[in-house]
Protein backbone atom coordinates (compact mmCIF):
# COMPACT_ATOMS: atom_id res chain seq x y z
CA MET A 1 0.15 -0.01 0.05
CA ALA A 2 1.41 3.37 -0.94
CA ARG A 3 1.79 6.12 1.53
CA GLY A 4 0.44 9.48 1.05
CA TRP A 5 2.32 12.72 0.28
CA GLU A 6 1.70 13.96 3.81
CA SER A 7 3.19 10.99 5.68
CA LYS A 8 6.27 11.25 3.39
CA SER A 9 6.66 14.88 4.07
CA VAL A 10 6.44 14.25 7.83
CA GLU A 11 9.03 11.54 7.67
CA ALA A 12 11.29 13.70 5.67
CA GLN A 13 10.92 16.55 8.33
CA ILE A 14 11.77 14.10 11.18
CA GLU A 15 14.92 12.86 9.31
CA GLU A 16 15.96 16.43 8.70
CA GLU A 17 15.52 17.37 12.39
CA ASP A 18 17.53 14.24 13.47
CA ARG A 19 20.41 15.14 11.03
CA ALA A 20 20.47 18.68 12.31
CA TYR A 21 20.39 17.47 15.89
CA GLU A 22 23.33 15.08 15.36
CA ALA A 23 25.28 17.93 13.63
CA GLY A 24 24.66 20.14 16.51
CA ARG A 25 25.90 17.56 18.94
CA LYS A 26 29.02 17.09 16.87
CA GLN A 27 29.82 20.66 16.68
CA ALA A 28 29.31 21.12 20.40
CA SER A 29 31.69 18.00 21.04
CA ASP A 30 34.27 19.51 18.67
CA LYS A 31 34.20 22.70 20.43
CA SER A 32 34.59 21.11 24.00
CA ASN A 33 37.57 18.92 22.67
CA ALA A 34 39.03 22.09 21.35
CA GLN A 35 38.60 23.78 24.68
CA ASP A 36 40.06 20.83 26.49
CA LEU A 37 43.15 20.93 24.31
CA GLN A 38 43.58 24.64 24.87
CA LEU A 39 43.40 24.10 28.63
CA GLU A 40 45.98 21.37 28.43
CA SER A 41 48.25 23.52 26.42
CA LEU A 42 47.96 26.33 28.97
CA ARG A 43 48.68 23.78 31.77
CA LEU A 44 51.79 22.60 30.07
CA SER A 45 52.89 26.24 29.33
CA ARG A 46 52.46 27.11 32.89
CA VAL A 47 54.58 24.19 34.12
CA ARG A 48 57.35 25.06 31.71
CA ILE A 49 57.25 28.85 32.75
CA GLU A 50 57.46 27.71 36.42
CA ALA A 51 60.28 25.59 35.79
CA GLN A 52 62.13 28.40 33.95
CA LEU A 53 61.19 30.77 36.83
CA THR A 54 63.07 28.53 39.42
CA ARG A 55 66.22 28.83 37.31
CA ALA A 56 65.98 32.56 36.36
CA VAL A 57 68.75 34.69 37.85
CA HIS A 58 68.19 38.12 36.15
CA THR A 59 65.42 40.38 37.45
CA ALA A 60 64.13 41.40 34.03
CA HIS A 61 63.90 37.69 32.98
CA ARG A 62 62.00 36.86 36.21
CA GLU A 63 59.62 39.76 35.63
CA MET A 64 58.99 38.66 32.15
CA LEU A 65 58.26 34.99 33.29
CA LEU A 66 56.04 36.34 36.08
CA LYS A 67 53.91 38.41 33.48
CA ALA A 68 53.72 35.27 31.27
CA LEU A 69 52.31 33.23 34.25
CA GLN A 70 49.81 36.06 34.96
CA ALA A 71 48.67 35.99 31.23
CA ILE A 72 48.37 32.20 31.27
CA GLU A 73 46.26 32.34 34.56
CA LYS A 74 44.04 35.01 32.88
CA GLU A 75 43.60 32.98 29.77
CA THR A 76 42.84 29.89 31.63
CA GLU A 77 40.26 31.48 33.79
CA GLN A 78 38.51 33.04 30.84
CA LEU A 79 38.51 29.70 29.02
CA THR A 80 37.34 27.85 32.06
CA LEU A 81 34.32 30.31 32.36
CA GLU A 82 33.57 30.01 28.74
CA THR A 83 33.57 26.16 29.10
CA GLN A 84 31.22 26.35 32.08
CA ARG A 85 28.79 28.59 30.20
CA ASP A 86 28.78 26.24 27.23
CA LYS A 87 27.93 23.28 29.47
CA GLU A 88 24.97 25.15 30.97
């Protein structure tokens, strides 16, 4: 028995909504993964700079490293807040 035009249209709409939903989930997942990678990169940079700071002798070099740490902390905080907003 052949289906009518209306049921085919409804089925097509449902399939389109399902595809759009899955595409949205993938995009959200990709963004979350990118944020996680950025956070990990910042964490590693922080560890590297802290190690350099323990060996730094010159005042100007120490000041530069301290400013770099502050910048990393600020960026980490912003990214963490952004990640939390995305999850809400």
